[in-house]
PDB file of all heavy atoms in Angstrom:
ATOM      1  N   ASP A   1     106.298  76.200  90.903  1.00  0.00           N
ATOM      2  CA  ASP A   1     107.489  75.490  91.373  1.00  0.00           C
ATOM      3  C   ASP A   1     107.855  75.778  92.818  1.00  0.00           C
ATOM      4  O   ASP A   1     108.430  74.945  93.504  1.00  0.00           O
ATOM      5  CB  ASP A   1     108.675  75.785  90.456  1.00  0.00           C
ATOM      6  CG  ASP A   1     108.526  75.218  89.058  1.00  0.00           C
ATOM      7  OD1 ASP A   1     107.685  74.341  88.865  1.00  0.00           O
ATOM      8  OD2 ASP A   1     109.262  75.652  88.159  1.00  0.00           O
ATOM      9  N   ASN A   2     107.506  76.997  93.267  1.00  0.00           N
ATOM     10  CA  ASN A   2     107.844  77.381  94.648  1.00  0.00           C
ATOM     11  C   ASN A   2     106.817  76.900  95.678  1.00  0.00           C
ATOM     12  O   ASN A   2     106.895  77.211  96.853  1.00  0.00           O
ATOM     13  CB  ASN A   2     108.032  78.892  94.770  1.00  0.00           C
ATOM     14  CG  ASN A   2     106.760  79.670  94.470  1.00  0.00           C
ATOM     15  OD1 ASN A   2     105.664  79.096  94.310  1.00  0.00           O
ATOM     16  ND2 ASN A   2     106.886  80.997  94.388  1.00  0.00           N
ATOM     17  N   GLY A   3     105.823  76.110  95.198  1.00  0.00           N
ATOM     18  CA  GLY A   3     104.826  75.591  96.089  1.00  0.00           C
ATOM     19  C   GLY A   3     103.583  76.399  96.257  1.00  0.00           C
ATOM     20  O   GLY A   3     102.577  75.914  96.820  1.00  0.00           O
ATOM     21  N   THR A   4     103.577  77.639  95.781  1.00  0.00           N
ATOM     22  CA  THR A   4     102.389  78.516  95.852  1.00  0.00           C
ATOM     23  C   THR A   4     101.399  78.151  94.735  1.00  0.00           C
ATOM     24  O   THR A   4     101.776  77.523  93.731  1.00  0.00           O
ATOM     25  CB  THR A   4     102.745  79.989  95.736  1.00  0.00           C
ATOM     26  OG1 THR A   4     103.338  80.237  94.438  1.00  0.00           O
ATOM     27  CG2 THR A   4     103.703  80.396  96.838  1.00  0.00           C
ATOM     28  N   VAL A   5     100.176  78.529  94.927  1.00  0.00           N
ATOM     29  CA  VAL A   5      99.126  78.264  93.940  1.00  0.00           C
ATOM     30  C   VAL A   5      98.686  79.607  93.320  1.00  0.00           C
ATOM     31  O   VAL A   5      98.427  80.573  94.023  1.00  0.00           O
ATOM     32  CB  VAL A   5      97.910  77.551  94.569  1.00  0.00           C
ATOM     33  CG1 VAL A   5      96.758  77.446  93.572  1.00  0.00           C
ATOM     34  CG2 VAL A   5      98.306  76.157  95.033  1.00  0.00           C
ATOM     35  N   LYS A   6      98.591  79.601  91.983  1.00  0.00           N
ATOM     36  CA  LYS A   6      98.148  80.795  91.266  1.00  0.00           C
ATOM     37  C   LYS A   6      96.972  80.420  90.383  1.00  0.00           C
ATOM     38  O   LYS A   6      96.967  79.339  89.753  1.00  0.00           O
ATOM     39  CB  LYS A   6      99.282  81.369  90.413  1.00  0.00           C
ATOM     40  CG  LYS A   6      98.940  82.643  89.674  1.00  0.00           C
ATOM     41  CD  LYS A   6     100.126  83.203  88.903  1.00  0.00           C
ATOM     42  CE  LYS A   6      99.782  84.393  88.028  1.00  0.00           C
ATOM     43  NZ  LYS A   6      99.437  85.551  88.819  1.00  0.00           N
ATOM     44  N   THR A   7      95.981  81.288  90.370  1.00  0.00           N
ATOM     45  CA  THR A   7      94.813  81.078  89.515  1.00  0.00           C
ATOM     46  C   THR A   7      94.978  81.816  88.207  1.00  0.00           C
ATOM     47  O   THR A   7      95.287  83.016  88.160  1.00  0.00           O
ATOM     48  CB  THR A   7      93.529  81.576  90.218  1.00  0.00           C
ATOM     49  OG1 THR A   7      93.358  80.822  91.429  1.00  0.00           O
ATOM     50  CG2 THR A   7      92.297  81.347  89.333  1.00  0.00           C
ATOM     51  N   PHE A   8      94.765  81.129  87.091  1.00  0.00           N
ATOM     52  CA  PHE A   8      94.887  81.673  85.756  1.00  0.00           C
ATOM     53  C   PHE A   8      93.515  81.789  85.089  1.00  0.00           C
ATOM     54  O   PHE A   8      92.604  81.053  85.420  1.00  0.00           O
ATOM     55  CB  PHE A   8      95.803  80.832  84.874  1.00  0.00           C
ATOM     56  CG  PHE A   8      97.236  80.827  85.346  1.00  0.00           C
ATOM     57  CD1 PHE A   8      97.640  79.884  86.284  1.00  0.00           C
ATOM     58  CD2 PHE A   8      98.150  81.709  84.868  1.00  0.00           C
ATOM     59  CE1 PHE A   8      98.948  79.842  86.735  1.00  0.00           C
ATOM     60  CE2 PHE A   8      99.465  81.692  85.296  1.00  0.00           C
ATOM     61  CZ  PHE A   8      99.856  80.763  86.245  1.00  0.00           C
ATOM     62  N   THR A   9      93.399  82.783  84.182  1.00  0.00           N
ATOM     63  CA  THR A   9      92.156  82.955  83.423  1.00  0.00           C
ATOM     64  C   THR A   9      92.430  82.599  81.975  1.00  0.00           C
ATOM     65  O   THR A   9      93.384  83.036  81.347  1.00  0.00           O
ATOM     66  CB  THR A   9      91.678  84.408  83.509  1.00  0.00           C
ATOM     67  OG1 THR A   9      91.434  84.748  84.873  1.00  0.00           O
ATOM     68  CG2 THR A   9      90.380  84.601  82.763  1.00  0.00           C
ATOM     69  N   GLY A  10      91.524  81.781  81.431  1.00  0.00           N
ATOM     70  CA  GLY A  10      91.626  81.374  80.022  1.00  0.00           C
ATOM     71  C   GLY A  10      90.290  81.579  79.319  1.00  0.00           C
ATOM     72  O   GLY A  10      89.240  81.728  79.972  1.00  0.00           O
ATOM     73  N   TYR A  11      90.345  81.570  77.976  1.00  0.00           N
ATOM     74  CA  TYR A  11      89.175  81.835  77.176  1.00  0.00           C
ATOM     75  C   TYR A  11      89.109  80.863  75.979  1.00  0.00           C
ATOM     76  O   TYR A  11      90.145  80.410  75.484  1.00  0.00           O
ATOM     77  CB  TYR A  11      89.168  83.267  76.639  1.00  0.00           C
ATOM     78  CG  TYR A  11      89.302  84.325  77.703  1.00  0.00           C
ATOM     79  CD1 TYR A  11      90.550  84.846  78.008  1.00  0.00           C
ATOM     80  CD2 TYR A  11      88.187  84.864  78.323  1.00  0.00           C
ATOM     81  CE1 TYR A  11      90.682  85.836  78.970  1.00  0.00           C
ATOM     82  CE2 TYR A  11      88.322  85.852  79.280  1.00  0.00           C
ATOM     83  CZ  TYR A  11      89.589  86.367  79.603  1.00  0.00           C
ATOM     84  OH  TYR A  11      89.719  87.339  80.543  1.00  0.00           O
ATOM     85  N   ARG A  12      87.899  80.619  75.499  1.00  0.00           N
ATOM     86  CA  ARG A  12      87.690  79.958  74.220  1.00  0.00           C
ATOM     87  C   ARG A  12      86.431  80.559  73.576  1.00  0.00           C
ATOM     88  O   ARG A  12      85.342  80.498  74.164  1.00  0.00           O
ATOM     89  CB  ARG A  12      87.541  78.448  74.367  1.00  0.00           C
ATOM     90  CG  ARG A  12      87.496  77.704  73.005  1.00  0.00           C
ATOM     91  CD  ARG A  12      88.827  77.714  72.326  1.00  0.00           C
ATOM     92  NE  ARG A  12      88.788  77.142  70.977  1.00  0.00           N
ATOM     93  CZ  ARG A  12      89.799  77.208  70.091  1.00  0.00           C
ATOM     94  NH1 ARG A  12      90.928  77.871  70.446  1.00  0.00           N
ATOM     95  NH2 ARG A  12      89.715  76.661  68.874  1.00  0.00           N
ATOM     96  N   SER A  13      86.599  81.147  72.413  1.00  0.00           N
ATOM     97  CA  SER A  13      85.486  81.764  71.688  1.00  0.00           C
ATOM     98  C   SER A  13      85.193  80.917  70.451  1.00  0.00           C
ATOM     99  O   SER A  13      86.069  80.593  69.693  1.00  0.00           O
ATOM    100  CB  SER A  13      85.843  83.191  71.256  1.00  0.00           C
ATOM    101  OG  SER A  13      84.803  83.727  70.480  1.00  0.00           O
ATOM    102  N   GLN A  14      83.926  80.548  70.271  1.00  0.00           N
ATOM    103  CA  GLN A  14      83.442  79.773  69.140  1.00  0.00           C
ATOM    104  C   GLN A  14      82.505  80.631  68.344  1.00  0.00           C
ATOM    105  O   GLN A  14      81.375  80.868  68.745  1.00  0.00           O
ATOM    106  CB  GLN A  14      82.779  78.499  69.633  1.00  0.00           C
ATOM    107  CG  GLN A  14      83.741  77.581  70.418  1.00  0.00           C
ATOM    108  CD  GLN A  14      83.060  76.385  71.030  1.00  0.00           C
ATOM    109  OE1 GLN A  14      81.868  76.401  71.320  1.00  0.00           O
ATOM    110  NE2 GLN A  14      83.804  75.296  71.236  1.00  0.00           N
ATOM    111  N   HIS A  15      82.983  81.083  67.202  1.00  0.00           N
ATOM    112  CA  HIS A  15      82.211  82.110  66.442  1.00  0.00           C
ATOM    113  C   HIS A  15      81.087  81.555  65.600  1.00  0.00           C
ATOM    114  O   HIS A  15      79.913  81.951  65.754  1.00  0.00           O
ATOM    115  CB  HIS A  15      83.132  82.929  65.563  1.00  0.00           C
ATOM    116  CG  HIS A  15      82.389  83.927  64.690  1.00  0.00           C
ATOM    117  ND1 HIS A  15      82.392  83.870  63.321  1.00  0.00           N
ATOM    118  CD2 HIS A  15      81.655  84.983  65.018  1.00  0.00           C
ATOM    119  CE1 HIS A  15      81.645  84.841  62.857  1.00  0.00           C
ATOM    120  NE2 HIS A  15      81.172  85.550  63.855  1.00  0.00           N
ATOM    121  N   ASN A  16      81.383  80.643  64.688  1.00  0.00           N
ATOM    122  CA  ASN A  16      80.372  80.148  63.759  1.00  0.00           C
ATOM    123  C   ASN A  16      80.758  78.794  63.227  1.00  0.00           C
ATOM    124  O   ASN A  16      81.921  78.574  62.818  1.00  0.00           O
ATOM    125  CB  ASN A  16      80.217  81.132  62.599  1.00  0.00           C
ATOM    126  CG  ASN A  16      79.032  80.828  61.679  1.00  0.00           C
ATOM    127  OD1 ASN A  16      79.083  79.910  60.883  1.00  0.00           O
ATOM    128  ND2 ASN A  16      77.970  81.608  61.831  1.00  0.00           N
ATOM    129  N   ASN A  17      79.850  77.852  63.225  1.00  0.00           N
ATOM    130  CA  ASN A  17      80.152  76.505  62.737  1.00  0.00           C
ATOM    131  C   ASN A  17      79.219  76.080  61.608  1.00  0.00           C
ATOM    132  O   ASN A  17      78.981  74.878  61.416  1.00  0.00           O
ATOM    133  CB  ASN A  17      80.106  75.465  63.869  1.00  0.00           C
ATOM    134  CG  ASN A  17      78.728  75.329  64.501  1.00  0.00           C
ATOM    135  OD1 ASN A  17      77.835  76.102  64.214  1.00  0.00           O
ATOM    136  ND2 ASN A  17      78.583  74.293  65.338  1.00  0.00           N
ATOM    137  N   ALA A  18      78.723  77.033  60.845  1.00  0.00           N
ATOM    138  CA  ALA A  18      77.819  76.725  59.736  1.00  0.00           C
ATOM    139  C   ALA A  18      78.534  75.890  58.678  1.00  0.00           C
ATOM    140  O   ALA A  18      77.963  74.983  58.071  1.00  0.00           O
ATOM    141  CB  ALA A  18      77.268  78.004  59.137  1.00  0.00           C
ATOM    142  N   VAL A  19      79.819  76.209  58.416  1.00  0.00           N
ATOM    143  CA  VAL A  19      80.574  75.546  57.354  1.00  0.00           C
ATOM    144  C   VAL A  19      81.213  74.249  57.895  1.00  0.00           C
ATOM    145  O   VAL A  19      81.434  73.306  57.129  1.00  0.00           O
ATOM    146  CB  VAL A  19      81.637  76.489  56.761  1.00  0.00           C
ATOM    147  CG1 VAL A  19      82.546  75.788  55.783  1.00  0.00           C
ATOM    148  CG2 VAL A  19      80.927  77.687  56.097  1.00  0.00           C
ATOM    149  N   GLY A  20      81.595  74.241  59.167  1.00  0.00           N
ATOM    150  CA  GLY A  20      82.252  73.087  59.741  1.00  0.00           C
ATOM    151  C   GLY A  20      82.654  73.348  61.171  1.00  0.00           C
ATOM    152  O   GLY A  20      82.323  74.391  61.756  1.00  0.00           O
ATOM    153  N   PRO A  21      83.422  72.449  61.812  1.00  0.00           N
ATOM    154  CA  PRO A  21      83.839  72.621  63.190  1.00  0.00           C
ATOM    155  C   PRO A  21      84.605  73.936  63.439  1.00  0.00           C
ATOM    156  O   PRO A  21      85.240  74.465  62.505  1.00  0.00           O
ATOM    157  CB  PRO A  21      84.770  71.423  63.413  1.00  0.00           C
ATOM    158  CG  PRO A  21      84.441  70.437  62.362  1.00  0.00           C
ATOM    159  CD  PRO A  21      83.996  71.232  61.199  1.00  0.00           C
ATOM    160  N   TYR A  22      84.526  74.416  64.646  1.00  0.00           N
ATOM    161  CA  TYR A  22      85.294  75.622  65.009  1.00  0.00           C
ATOM    162  C   TYR A  22      86.787  75.292  64.904  1.00  0.00           C
ATOM    163  O   TYR A  22      87.242  74.215  65.226  1.00  0.00           O
ATOM    164  CB  TYR A  22      84.979  76.086  66.429  1.00  0.00           C
ATOM    165  CG  TYR A  22      83.510  76.279  66.725  1.00  0.00           C
ATOM    166  CD1 TYR A  22      82.825  75.327  67.480  1.00  0.00           C
ATOM    167  CD2 TYR A  22      82.829  77.382  66.251  1.00  0.00           C
ATOM    168  CE1 TYR A  22      81.468  75.512  67.777  1.00  0.00           C
ATOM    169  CE2 TYR A  22      81.472  77.585  66.528  1.00  0.00           C
ATOM    170  CZ  TYR A  22      80.803  76.618  67.292  1.00  0.00           C
ATOM    171  OH  TYR A  22      79.457  76.798  67.577  1.00  0.00           O
ATOM    172  N   LYS A  23      87.586  76.282  64.494  1.00  0.00           N
ATOM    173  CA  LYS A  23      89.013  76.076  64.335  1.00  0.00           C
ATOM    174  C   LYS A  23      89.767  77.368  64.664  1.00  0.00           C
ATOM    175  O   LYS A  23      89.396  78.446  64.189  1.00  0.00           O
ATOM    176  CB  LYS A  23      89.328  75.674  62.895  1.00  0.00           C
ATOM    177  CG  LYS A  23      90.824  75.360  62.655  1.00  0.00           C
ATOM    178  CD  LYS A  23      91.114  73.985  63.153  1.00  0.00           C
ATOM    179  CE  LYS A  23      92.573  73.623  63.068  1.00  0.00           C
ATOM    180  NZ  LYS A  23      93.359  74.202  64.188  1.00  0.00           N
ATOM    181  N   GLY A  24      90.810  77.255  65.461  1.00  0.00           N
ATOM    182  CA  GLY A  24      91.584  78.457  65.752  1.00  0.00           C
ATOM    183  C   GLY A  24      92.557  78.226  66.877  1.00  0.00           C
ATOM    184  O   GLY A  24      92.405  77.300  67.712  1.00  0.00           O
ATOM    185  N   GLY A  25      93.569  79.062  66.965  1.00  0.00           N
ATOM    186  CA  GLY A  25      94.672  78.898  67.872  1.00  0.00           C
ATOM    187  C   GLY A  25      94.417  79.218  69.308  1.00  0.00           C
ATOM    188  O   GLY A  25      93.372  79.737  69.681  1.00  0.00           O
ATOM    189  N   VAL A  26      95.425  78.919  70.146  1.00  0.00           N
ATOM    190  CA  VAL A  26      95.447  79.274  71.567  1.00  0.00           C
ATOM    191  C   VAL A  26      96.716  80.069  71.791  1.00  0.00           C
ATOM    192  O   VAL A  26      97.797  79.609  71.474  1.00  0.00           O
ATOM    193  CB  VAL A  26      95.454  78.041  72.457  1.00  0.00           C
ATOM    194  CG1 VAL A  26      95.591  78.441  73.932  1.00  0.00           C
ATOM    195  CG2 VAL A  26      94.204  77.185  72.237  1.00  0.00           C
ATOM    196  N   ARG A  27      96.599  81.284  72.339  1.00  0.00           N
ATOM    197  CA  ARG A  27      97.763  82.123  72.605  1.00  0.00           C
ATOM    198  C   ARG A  27      98.001  82.320  74.073  1.00  0.00           C
ATOM    199  O   ARG A  27      97.066  82.334  74.893  1.00  0.00           O
ATOM    200  CB  ARG A  27      97.664  83.474  71.871  1.00  0.00           C
ATOM    201  CG  ARG A  27      96.463  84.321  72.272  1.00  0.00           C
ATOM    202  CD  ARG A  27      96.436  85.683  71.552  1.00  0.00           C
ATOM    203  NE  ARG A  27      96.600  85.591  70.128  1.00  0.00           N
ATOM    204  CZ  ARG A  27      96.712  86.644  69.298  1.00  0.00           C
ATOM    205  NH1 ARG A  27      96.663  87.868  69.778  1.00  0.00           N
ATOM    206  NH2 ARG A  27      96.852  86.494  68.001  1.00  0.00           N
ATOM    207  N   PHE A  28      99.275  82.431  74.434  1.00  0.00           N
ATOM    208  CA  PHE A  28      99.697  82.828  75.788  1.00  0.00           C
ATOM    209  C   PHE A  28     100.245  84.236  75.717  1.00  0.00           C
ATOM    210  O   PHE A  28     101.306  84.479  75.100  1.00  0.00           O
ATOM    211  CB  PHE A  28     100.793  81.881  76.288  1.00  0.00           C
ATOM    212  CG  PHE A  28     100.371  80.496  76.607  1.00  0.00           C
ATOM    213  CD1 PHE A  28     101.305  79.553  77.080  1.00  0.00           C
ATOM    214  CD2 PHE A  28      99.053  80.057  76.477  1.00  0.00           C
ATOM    215  CE1 PHE A  28     100.933  78.249  77.387  1.00  0.00           C
ATOM    216  CE2 PHE A  28      98.669  78.742  76.762  1.00  0.00           C
ATOM    217  CZ  PHE A  28      99.620  77.848  77.218  1.00  0.00           C
ATOM    218  N   HIS A  29      99.557  85.176  76.333  1.00  0.00           N
ATOM    219  CA  HIS A  29     100.029  86.549  76.257  1.00  0.00           C
ATOM    220  C   HIS A  29      99.418  87.361  77.388  1.00  0.00           C
ATOM    221  O   HIS A  29      98.233  87.123  77.728  1.00  0.00           O
ATOM    222  CB  HIS A  29      99.667  87.197  74.892  1.00  0.00           C
ATOM    223  CG  HIS A  29     100.426  88.426  74.594  1.00  0.00           C
ATOM    224  ND1 HIS A  29     100.041  89.691  75.024  1.00  0.00           N
ATOM    225  CD2 HIS A  29     101.590  88.652  73.885  1.00  0.00           C
ATOM    226  CE1 HIS A  29     100.891  90.568  74.618  1.00  0.00           C
ATOM    227  NE2 HIS A  29     101.837  89.989  73.906  1.00  0.00           N
ATOM    228  N   PRO A  30     100.149  88.296  77.963  1.00  0.00           N
ATOM    229  CA  PRO A  30      99.590  89.081  79.081  1.00  0.00           C
ATOM    230  C   PRO A  30      98.388  89.924  78.719  1.00  0.00           C
ATOM    231  O   PRO A  30      97.628  90.313  79.603  1.00  0.00           O
ATOM    232  CB  PRO A  30     100.768  89.952  79.558  1.00  0.00           C
ATOM    233  CG  PRO A  30     101.760  89.894  78.455  1.00  0.00           C
ATOM    234  CD  PRO A  30     101.578  88.605  77.740  1.00  0.00           C
ATOM    235  N   ASN A  31      98.209  90.224  77.421  1.00  0.00           N
ATOM    236  CA  ASN A  31      97.091  91.060  77.013  1.00  0.00           C
ATOM    237  C   ASN A  31      95.869  90.305  76.533  1.00  0.00           C
ATOM    238  O   ASN A  31      94.916  90.900  76.024  1.00  0.00           O
ATOM    239  CB  ASN A  31      97.550  92.035  75.920  1.00  0.00           C
ATOM    240  CG  ASN A  31      98.585  93.027  76.405  1.00  0.00           C
ATOM    241  OD1 ASN A  31      98.620  93.368  77.587  1.00  0.00           O
ATOM    242  ND2 ASN A  31      99.435  93.522  75.499  1.00  0.00           N
ATOM    243  N   VAL A  32      95.910  88.973  76.628  1.00  0.00           N
ATOM    244  CA  VAL A  32      94.737  88.188  76.214  1.00  0.00           C
ATOM    245  C   VAL A  32      93.529  88.575  77.028  1.00  0.00           C
ATOM    246  O   VAL A  32      93.586  88.672  78.244  1.00  0.00           O
ATOM    247  CB  VAL A  32      95.012  86.677  76.379  1.00  0.00           C
ATOM    248  CG1 VAL A  32      93.708  85.879  76.233  1.00  0.00           C
ATOM    249  CG2 VAL A  32      96.018  86.179  75.332  1.00  0.00           C
ATOM    250  N   ASN A  33      92.457  88.871  76.340  1.00  0.00           N
ATOM    251  CA  ASN A  33      91.185  89.226  77.012  1.00  0.00           C
ATOM    252  C   ASN A  33      90.014  88.743  76.166  1.00  0.00           C
ATOM    253  O   ASN A  33      90.177  88.223  75.048  1.00  0.00           O
ATOM    254  CB  ASN A  33      91.096  90.739  77.298  1.00  0.00           C
ATOM    255  CG  ASN A  33      91.173  91.565  76.044  1.00  0.00           C
ATOM    256  OD1 ASN A  33      90.332  91.414  75.134  1.00  0.00           O
ATOM    257  ND2 ASN A  33      92.134  92.453  75.976  1.00  0.00           N
ATOM    258  N   LEU A  34      88.818  88.929  76.711  1.00  0.00           N
ATOM    259  CA  LEU A  34      87.609  88.401  76.093  1.00  0.00           C
ATOM    260  C   LEU A  34      87.388  89.000  74.706  1.00  0.00           C
ATOM    261  O   LEU A  34      87.091  88.257  73.758  1.00  0.00           O
ATOM    262  CB  LEU A  34      86.407  88.679  76.997  1.00  0.00           C
ATOM    263  CG  LEU A  34      85.105  87.941  76.644  1.00  0.00           C
ATOM    264  CD1 LEU A  34      85.309  86.465  76.659  1.00  0.00           C
ATOM    265  CD2 LEU A  34      83.995  88.330  77.631  1.00  0.00           C
ATOM    266  N   ASP A  35      87.494  90.318  74.575  1.00  0.00           N
ATOM    267  CA  ASP A  35      87.209  90.962  73.298  1.00  0.00           C
ATOM    268  C   ASP A  35      88.235  90.506  72.240  1.00  0.00           C
ATOM    269  O   ASP A  35      87.904  90.400  71.065  1.00  0.00           O
ATOM    270  CB  ASP A  35      87.214  92.476  73.447  1.00  0.00           C
ATOM    271  CG  ASP A  35      85.882  93.020  73.904  1.00  0.00           C
ATOM    272  OD1 ASP A  35      84.922  92.221  74.012  1.00  0.00           O
ATOM    273  OD2 ASP A  35      85.745  94.249  74.158  1.00  0.00           O
ATOM    274  N   GLU A  36      89.471  90.277  72.683  1.00  0.00           N
ATOM    275  CA  GLU A  36      90.529  89.891  71.721  1.00  0.00           C
ATOM    276  C   GLU A  36      90.162  88.506  71.148  1.00  0.00           C
ATOM    277  O   GLU A  36      90.182  88.330  69.917  1.00  0.00           O
ATOM    278  CB  GLU A  36      91.877  89.832  72.410  1.00  0.00           C
ATOM    279  CG  GLU A  36      92.979  89.409  71.436  1.00  0.00           C
ATOM    280  CD  GLU A  36      94.324  89.263  72.081  1.00  0.00           C
ATOM    281  OE1 GLU A  36      94.447  88.462  72.998  1.00  0.00           O
ATOM    282  OE2 GLU A  36      95.303  89.945  71.619  1.00  0.00           O
ATOM    283  N   VAL A  37      89.869  87.546  71.996  1.00  0.00           N
ATOM    284  CA  VAL A  37      89.571  86.184  71.449  1.00  0.00           C
ATOM    285  C   VAL A  37      88.290  86.180  70.664  1.00  0.00           C
ATOM    286  O   VAL A  37      88.159  85.383  69.691  1.00  0.00           O
ATOM    287  CB  VAL A  37      89.578  85.117  72.572  1.00  0.00           C
ATOM    288  CG1 VAL A  37      90.947  85.005  73.215  1.00  0.00           C
ATOM    289  CG2 VAL A  37      88.513  85.365  73.596  1.00  0.00           C
ATOM    290  N   LYS A  38      87.312  87.003  71.033  1.00  0.00           N
ATOM    291  CA  LYS A  38      86.078  87.068  70.237  1.00  0.00           C
ATOM    292  C   LYS A  38      86.361  87.605  68.825  1.00  0.00           C
ATOM    293  O   LYS A  38      85.886  87.064  67.829  1.00  0.00           O
ATOM    294  CB  LYS A  38      85.057  87.993  70.942  1.00  0.00           C
ATOM    295  CG  LYS A  38      84.383  87.349  72.146  1.00  0.00           C
ATOM    296  CD  LYS A  38      83.759  88.370  73.090  1.00  0.00           C
ATOM    297  CE  LYS A  38      82.580  89.029  72.481  1.00  0.00           C
ATOM    298  NZ  LYS A  38      81.880  89.948  73.481  1.00  0.00           N
ATOM    299  N   ALA A  39      87.196  88.629  68.732  1.00  0.00           N
ATOM    300  CA  ALA A  39      87.585  89.166  67.442  1.00  0.00           C
ATOM    301  C   ALA A  39      88.350  88.155  66.621  1.00  0.00           C
ATOM    302  O   ALA A  39      88.101  87.943  65.445  1.00  0.00           O
ATOM    303  CB  ALA A  39      88.450  90.429  67.637  1.00  0.00           C
ATOM    304  N   LEU A  40      89.327  87.500  67.259  1.00  0.00           N
ATOM    305  CA  LEU A  40      90.124  86.509  66.574  1.00  0.00           C
ATOM    306  C   LEU A  40      89.298  85.336  66.065  1.00  0.00           C
ATOM    307  O   LEU A  40      89.565  84.792  65.008  1.00  0.00           O
ATOM    308  CB  LEU A  40      91.248  86.029  67.493  1.00  0.00           C
ATOM    309  CG  LEU A  40      92.356  87.101  67.826  1.00  0.00           C
ATOM    310  CD1 LEU A  40      93.186  86.646  69.000  1.00  0.00           C
ATOM    311  CD2 LEU A  40      93.213  87.349  66.611  1.00  0.00           C
ATOM    312  N   SER A  41      88.259  84.973  66.794  1.00  0.00           N
ATOM    313  CA  SER A  41      87.397  83.882  66.349  1.00  0.00           C
ATOM    314  C   SER A  41      86.589  84.308  65.116  1.00  0.00           C
ATOM    315  O   SER A  41      86.350  83.488  64.205  1.00  0.00           O
ATOM    316  CB  SER A  41      86.473  83.419  67.465  1.00  0.00           C
ATOM    317  OG  SER A  41      85.475  84.360  67.791  1.00  0.00           O
ATOM    318  N   ILE A  42      86.160  85.575  65.058  1.00  0.00           N
ATOM    319  CA  ILE A  42      85.500  86.102  63.847  1.00  0.00           C
ATOM    320  C   ILE A  42      86.433  86.009  62.652  1.00  0.00           C
ATOM    321  O   ILE A  42      86.071  85.543  61.577  1.00  0.00           O
ATOM    322  CB  ILE A  42      84.996  87.509  64.058  1.00  0.00           C
ATOM    323  CG1 ILE A  42      83.859  87.568  65.114  1.00  0.00           C
ATOM    324  CG2 ILE A  42      84.501  88.130  62.769  1.00  0.00           C
ATOM    325  CD1 ILE A  42      83.387  88.953  65.459  1.00  0.00           C
ATOM    326  N   TRP A  43      87.681  86.527  62.872  1.00  0.00           N
ATOM    327  CA  TRP A  43      88.653  86.498  61.807  1.00  0.00           C
ATOM    328  C   TRP A  43      88.955  85.071  61.312  1.00  0.00           C
ATOM    329  O   TRP A  43      89.206  84.853  60.143  1.00  0.00           O
ATOM    330  CB  TRP A  43      89.912  87.216  62.220  1.00  0.00           C
ATOM    331  CG  TRP A  43      89.755  88.719  62.338  1.00  0.00           C
ATOM    332  CD1 TRP A  43      88.948  89.480  61.535  1.00  0.00           C
ATOM    333  CD2 TRP A  43      90.372  89.590  63.283  1.00  0.00           C
ATOM    334  NE1 TRP A  43      89.044  90.834  61.939  1.00  0.00           N
ATOM    335  CE2 TRP A  43      89.906  90.911  63.005  1.00  0.00           C
ATOM    336  CE3 TRP A  43      91.272  89.426  64.301  1.00  0.00           C
ATOM    337  CZ2 TRP A  43      90.330  92.006  63.716  1.00  0.00           C
ATOM    338  CZ3 TRP A  43      91.681  90.524  65.047  1.00  0.00           C
ATOM    339  CH2 TRP A  43      91.216  91.816  64.745  1.00  0.00           C
TER     340      TRP A  43
END
């Protein structure tokens, strides 16, 4: 809003689609990282 530009990092982990399409949420949190989304996709 103040006119500056900020770069954000996002992730999408696709674990397994043997049974059907990948399915899972998207979270906004300061601690989001690669290992977290990989784990959550397994779960």
